[in-house]
Amino acid sequence: MAHENYRAERTISTILKSESDVDRVIRRLLDRDVERGLLGVFSEAGRRRQSQSGS
């Protein structure tokens, strides 16, 4: 993995109302060349889930 020793310069934490909002934010981060493997998305129950946003 390219990001094994990655240290975040900045982190973002937010609560979004809808899945479309989550997809929009993930898409914007990917458009800014943030590696998909560095992104984490948690559901309202606190379980990690994969974003379905395309790159």
PDB file of N, CA and C in Angstrom:
ATOM      1  N   MET A   1       0.833  -1.197   0.000  1.00  0.00           N
ATOM      2  CA  MET A   1       0.000   0.000   0.000  1.00  0.00           C
ATOM      3  C   MET A   1       0.866   1.244   0.000  1.00  0.00           C
ATOM      4  N   ALA A   2       0.511   2.180  -0.802  1.00  0.00           N
ATOM      5  CA  ALA A   2       1.285   3.416  -0.915  1.00  0.00           C
ATOM      6  C   ALA A   2       1.146   4.300   0.312  1.00  0.00           C
ATOM      7  N   HIS A   3       0.114   4.121   1.105  1.00  0.00           N
ATOM      8  CA  HIS A   3      -0.136   5.017   2.220  1.00  0.00           C
ATOM      9  C   HIS A   3       0.152   4.390   3.586  1.00  0.00           C
ATOM     10  N   GLU A   4       0.958   3.306   3.651  1.00  0.00           N
ATOM     11  CA  GLU A   4       1.261   2.633   4.917  1.00  0.00           C
ATOM     12  C   GLU A   4       1.802   3.585   5.971  1.00  0.00           C
ATOM     13  N   ASN A   5       2.733   4.444   5.605  1.00  0.00           N
ATOM     14  CA  ASN A   5       3.371   5.353   6.557  1.00  0.00           C
ATOM     15  C   ASN A   5       2.838   6.776   6.444  1.00  0.00           C
ATOM     16  N   TYR A   6       1.685   6.912   5.867  1.00  0.00           N
ATOM     17  CA  TYR A   6       1.089   8.233   5.651  1.00  0.00           C
ATOM     18  C   TYR A   6       0.732   8.886   6.977  1.00  0.00           C
ATOM     19  N   ARG A   7       1.078  10.169   7.110  1.00  0.00           N
ATOM     20  CA  ARG A   7       0.687  10.953   8.279  1.00  0.00           C
ATOM     21  C   ARG A   7      -0.136  12.123   7.775  1.00  0.00           C
ATOM     22  N   ALA A   8      -1.347  12.191   8.235  1.00  0.00           N
ATOM     23  CA  ALA A   8      -2.270  13.229   7.761  1.00  0.00           C
ATOM     24  C   ALA A   8      -1.784  14.614   8.139  1.00  0.00           C
ATOM     25  N   GLU A   9      -1.781  15.505   7.171  1.00  0.00           N
ATOM     26  CA  GLU A   9      -1.501  16.911   7.441  1.00  0.00           C
ATOM     27  C   GLU A   9      -2.766  17.595   7.923  1.00  0.00           C
ATOM     28  N   ARG A  10      -3.894  17.127   7.406  1.00  0.00           N
ATOM     29  CA  ARG A  10      -5.202  17.665   7.788  1.00  0.00           C
ATOM     30  C   ARG A  10      -6.200  16.521   7.847  1.00  0.00           C
ATOM     31  N   THR A  11      -7.150  16.623   8.739  1.00  0.00           N
ATOM     32  CA  THR A  11      -8.235  15.649   8.784  1.00  0.00           C
ATOM     33  C   THR A  11      -9.564  16.393   8.723  1.00  0.00           C
ATOM     34  N   ILE A  12     -10.572  15.695   8.242  1.00  0.00           N
ATOM     35  CA  ILE A  12     -11.912  16.267   8.127  1.00  0.00           C
ATOM     36  C   ILE A  12     -12.883  15.315   8.807  1.00  0.00           C
ATOM     37  N   SER A  13     -13.742  15.866   9.622  1.00  0.00           N
ATOM     38  CA  SER A  13     -14.797  15.088  10.256  1.00  0.00           C
ATOM     39  C   SER A  13     -16.098  15.851  10.063  1.00  0.00           C
ATOM     40  N   THR A  14     -17.130  15.162   9.607  1.00  0.00           N
ATOM     41  CA  THR A  14     -18.408  15.834   9.364  1.00  0.00           C
ATOM     42  C   THR A  14     -19.557  14.850   9.499  1.00  0.00           C
ATOM     43  N   ILE A  15     -20.718  15.374   9.732  1.00  0.00           N
ATOM     44  CA  ILE A  15     -21.947  14.581   9.737  1.00  0.00           C
ATOM     45  C   ILE A  15     -22.796  15.089   8.578  1.00  0.00           C
ATOM     46  N   LEU A  16     -23.167  14.176   7.700  1.00  0.00           N
ATOM     47  CA  LEU A  16     -23.945  14.550   6.518  1.00  0.00           C
ATOM     48  C   LEU A  16     -25.329  13.907   6.590  1.00  0.00           C
ATOM     49  N   LYS A  17     -26.317  14.593   6.036  1.00  0.00           N
ATOM     50  CA  LYS A  17     -27.709  14.147   6.140  1.00  0.00           C
ATOM     51  C   LYS A  17     -28.079  13.020   5.188  1.00  0.00           C
ATOM     52  N   SER A  18     -27.489  13.000   4.013  1.00  0.00           N
ATOM     53  CA  SER A  18     -27.923  12.011   3.021  1.00  0.00           C
ATOM     54  C   SER A  18     -26.732  11.325   2.359  1.00  0.00           C
ATOM     55  N   GLU A  19     -27.010  10.173   1.781  1.00  0.00           N
ATOM     56  CA  GLU A  19     -25.967   9.439   1.068  1.00  0.00           C
ATOM     57  C   GLU A  19     -25.467  10.241  -0.130  1.00  0.00           C
ATOM     58  N   SER A  20     -26.351  11.017  -0.754  1.00  0.00           N
ATOM     59  CA  SER A  20     -25.915  11.832  -1.893  1.00  0.00           C
ATOM     60  C   SER A  20     -24.925  12.906  -1.440  1.00  0.00           C
ATOM     61  N   ASP A  21     -25.094  13.435  -0.228  1.00  0.00           N
ATOM     62  CA  ASP A  21     -24.123  14.393   0.312  1.00  0.00           C
ATOM     63  C   ASP A  21     -22.773  13.716   0.528  1.00  0.00           C
ATOM     64  N   VAL A  22     -22.797  12.491   1.060  1.00  0.00           N
ATOM     65  CA  VAL A  22     -21.561  11.729   1.273  1.00  0.00           C
ATOM     66  C   VAL A  22     -20.867  11.510  -0.063  1.00  0.00           C
ATOM     67  N   ASP A  23     -21.618  11.061  -1.059  1.00  0.00           N
ATOM     68  CA  ASP A  23     -21.042  10.810  -2.383  1.00  0.00           C
ATOM     69  C   ASP A  23     -20.436  12.080  -2.982  1.00  0.00           C
ATOM     70  N   ARG A  24     -21.122  13.203  -2.802  1.00  0.00           N
ATOM     71  CA  ARG A  24     -20.629  14.483  -3.339  1.00  0.00           C
ATOM     72  C   ARG A  24     -19.300  14.864  -2.687  1.00  0.00           C
ATOM     73  N   VAL A  25     -19.211  14.716  -1.374  1.00  0.00           N
ATOM     74  CA  VAL A  25     -17.976  15.068  -0.662  1.00  0.00           C
ATOM     75  C   VAL A  25     -16.839  14.137  -1.068  1.00  0.00           C
ATOM     76  N   ILE A  26     -17.110  12.836  -1.128  1.00  0.00           N
ATOM     77  CA  ILE A  26     -16.081  11.867  -1.530  1.00  0.00           C
ATOM     78  C   ILE A  26     -15.599  12.174  -2.945  1.00  0.00           C
ATOM     79  N   ARG A  27     -16.531  12.454  -3.845  1.00  0.00           N
ATOM     80  CA  ARG A  27     -16.160  12.763  -5.236  1.00  0.00           C
ATOM     81  C   ARG A  27     -15.261  13.998  -5.303  1.00  0.00           C
ATOM     82  N   ARG A  28     -15.581  15.029  -4.513  1.00  0.00           N
ATOM     83  CA  ARG A  28     -14.758  16.252  -4.509  1.00  0.00           C
ATOM     84  C   ARG A  28     -13.349  15.961  -3.995  1.00  0.00           C
ATOM     85  N   LEU A  29     -13.240  15.124  -2.965  1.00  0.00           N
ATOM     86  CA  LEU A  29     -11.915  14.771  -2.449  1.00  0.00           C
ATOM     87  C   LEU A  29     -11.123  13.977  -3.482  1.00  0.00           C
ATOM     88  N   LEU A  30     -11.774  13.030  -4.140  1.00  0.00           N
ATOM     89  CA  LEU A  30     -11.095  12.253  -5.181  1.00  0.00           C
ATOM     90  C   LEU A  30     -10.665  13.147  -6.335  1.00  0.00           C
ATOM     91  N   ASP A  31     -11.496  14.119  -6.685  1.00  0.00           N
ATOM     92  CA  ASP A  31     -11.144  15.072  -7.744  1.00  0.00           C
ATOM     93  C   ASP A  31      -9.927  15.910  -7.369  1.00  0.00           C
ATOM     94  N   ARG A  32      -9.673  16.035  -6.071  1.00  0.00           N
ATOM     95  CA  ARG A  32      -8.510  16.789  -5.583  1.00  0.00           C
ATOM     96  C   ARG A  32      -7.314  15.864  -5.324  1.00  0.00           C
ATOM     97  N   ASP A  33      -7.381  14.655  -5.906  1.00  0.00           N
ATOM     98  CA  ASP A  33      -6.288  13.676  -5.857  1.00  0.00           C
ATOM     99  C   ASP A  33      -6.017  13.100  -4.476  1.00  0.00           C
ATOM    100  N   VAL A  34      -7.021  13.081  -3.593  1.00  0.00           N
ATOM    101  CA  VAL A  34      -6.883  12.366  -2.325  1.00  0.00           C
ATOM    102  C   VAL A  34      -7.060  10.885  -2.647  1.00  0.00           C
ATOM    103  N   GLU A  35      -6.123  10.041  -2.185  1.00  0.00           N
ATOM    104  CA  GLU A  35      -6.201   8.614  -2.477  1.00  0.00           C
ATOM    105  C   GLU A  35      -7.422   8.002  -1.803  1.00  0.00           C
ATOM    106  N   ARG A  36      -8.139   7.174  -2.541  1.00  0.00           N
ATOM    107  CA  ARG A  36      -9.341   6.516  -2.021  1.00  0.00           C
ATOM    108  C   ARG A  36      -9.047   5.753  -0.722  1.00  0.00           C
ATOM    109  N   GLY A  37      -7.887   5.115  -0.640  1.00  0.00           N
ATOM    110  CA  GLY A  37      -7.529   4.335   0.543  1.00  0.00           C
ATOM    111  C   GLY A  37      -7.331   5.165   1.797  1.00  0.00           C
ATOM    112  N   LEU A  38      -7.194   6.472   1.657  1.00  0.00           N
ATOM    113  CA  LEU A  38      -7.014   7.351   2.812  1.00  0.00           C
ATOM    114  C   LEU A  38      -8.341   7.876   3.352  1.00  0.00           C
ATOM    115  N   LEU A  39      -9.435   7.578   2.659  1.00  0.00           N
ATOM    116  CA  LEU A  39     -10.746   8.077   3.065  1.00  0.00           C
ATOM    117  C   LEU A  39     -11.480   7.024   3.881  1.00  0.00           C
ATOM    118  N   GLY A  40     -12.108   7.448   4.954  1.00  0.00           N
ATOM    119  CA  GLY A  40     -12.926   6.552   5.765  1.00  0.00           C
ATOM    120  C   GLY A  40     -14.318   7.131   5.915  1.00  0.00           C
ATOM    121  N   VAL A  41     -15.325   6.286   5.733  1.00  0.00           N
ATOM    122  CA  VAL A  41     -16.717   6.717   5.862  1.00  0.00           C
ATOM    123  C   VAL A  41     -17.394   5.770   6.841  1.00  0.00           C
ATOM    124  N   PHE A  42     -18.082   6.333   7.824  1.00  0.00           N
ATOM    125  CA  PHE A  42     -18.772   5.529   8.820  1.00  0.00           C
ATOM    126  C   PHE A  42     -20.270   5.779   8.728  1.00  0.00           C
ATOM    127  N   SER A  43     -21.049   4.726   8.897  1.00  0.00           N
ATOM    128  CA  SER A  43     -22.508   4.856   8.860  1.00  0.00           C
ATOM    129  C   SER A  43     -23.004   5.409  10.191  1.00  0.00           C
ATOM    130  N   GLU A  44     -24.291   5.691  10.264  1.00  0.00           N
ATOM    131  CA  GLU A  44     -24.850   6.233  11.498  1.00  0.00           C
ATOM    132  C   GLU A  44     -24.706   5.266  12.660  1.00  0.00           C
ATOM    133  N   ALA A  45     -24.570   3.979  12.402  1.00  0.00           N
ATOM    134  CA  ALA A  45     -24.371   2.989  13.458  1.00  0.00           C
ATOM    135  C   ALA A  45     -22.895   2.863  13.832  1.00  0.00           C
ATOM    136  N   GLY A  46     -22.033   3.628  13.168  1.00  0.00           N
ATOM    137  CA  GLY A  46     -20.611   3.611  13.484  1.00  0.00           C
ATOM    138  C   GLY A  46     -19.809   2.560  12.747  1.00  0.00           C
ATOM    139  N   ARG A  47     -20.427   1.855  11.823  1.00  0.00           N
ATOM    140  CA  ARG A  47     -19.705   0.837  11.053  1.00  0.00           C
ATOM    141  C   ARG A  47     -19.045   1.481   9.846  1.00  0.00           C
ATOM    142  N   ARG A  48     -17.825   1.034   9.566  1.00  0.00           N
ATOM    143  CA  ARG A  48     -17.128   1.552   8.389  1.00  0.00           C
ATOM    144  C   ARG A  48     -17.771   0.975   7.138  1.00  0.00           C
ATOM    145  N   ARG A  49     -17.905   1.799   6.111  1.00  0.00           N
ATOM    146  CA  ARG A  49     -18.449   1.324   4.843  1.00  0.00           C
ATOM    147  C   ARG A  49     -17.643   1.910   3.704  1.00  0.00           C
ATOM    148  N   GLN A  50     -17.709   1.261   2.563  1.00  0.00           N
ATOM    149  CA  GLN A  50     -17.001   1.726   1.379  1.00  0.00           C
ATOM    150  C   GLN A  50     -17.866   2.733   0.646  1.00  0.00           C
ATOM    151  N   SER A  51     -17.249   3.772   0.155  1.00  0.00           N
ATOM    152  CA  SER A  51     -17.967   4.733  -0.682  1.00  0.00           C
ATOM    153  C   SER A  51     -18.131   4.140  -2.068  1.00  0.00           C
ATOM    154  N   GLN A  52     -19.264   4.365  -2.670  1.00  0.00           N
ATOM    155  CA  GLN A  52     -19.528   3.876  -4.019  1.00  0.00           C
ATOM    156  C   GLN A  52     -19.230   4.930  -5.071  1.00  0.00           C
ATOM    157  N   SER A  53     -18.683   6.071  -4.661  1.00  0.00           N
ATOM    158  CA  SER A  53     -18.388   7.146  -5.614  1.00  0.00           C
ATOM    159  C   SER A  53     -17.336   6.694  -6.602  1.00  0.00           C
ATOM    160  N   GLY A  54     -17.543   7.012  -7.842  1.00  0.00           N
ATOM    161  CA  GLY A  54     -16.561   6.693  -8.878  1.00  0.00           C
ATOM    162  C   GLY A  54     -15.446   7.708  -8.881  1.00  0.00           C
ATOM    163  N   SER A  55     -14.325   7.346  -9.488  1.00  0.00           N
ATOM    164  CA  SER A  55     -13.213   8.306  -9.558  1.00  0.00           C
ATOM    165  C   SER A  55     -13.169   8.988 -10.888  1.00  0.00           C
TER     166      SER A  55
END
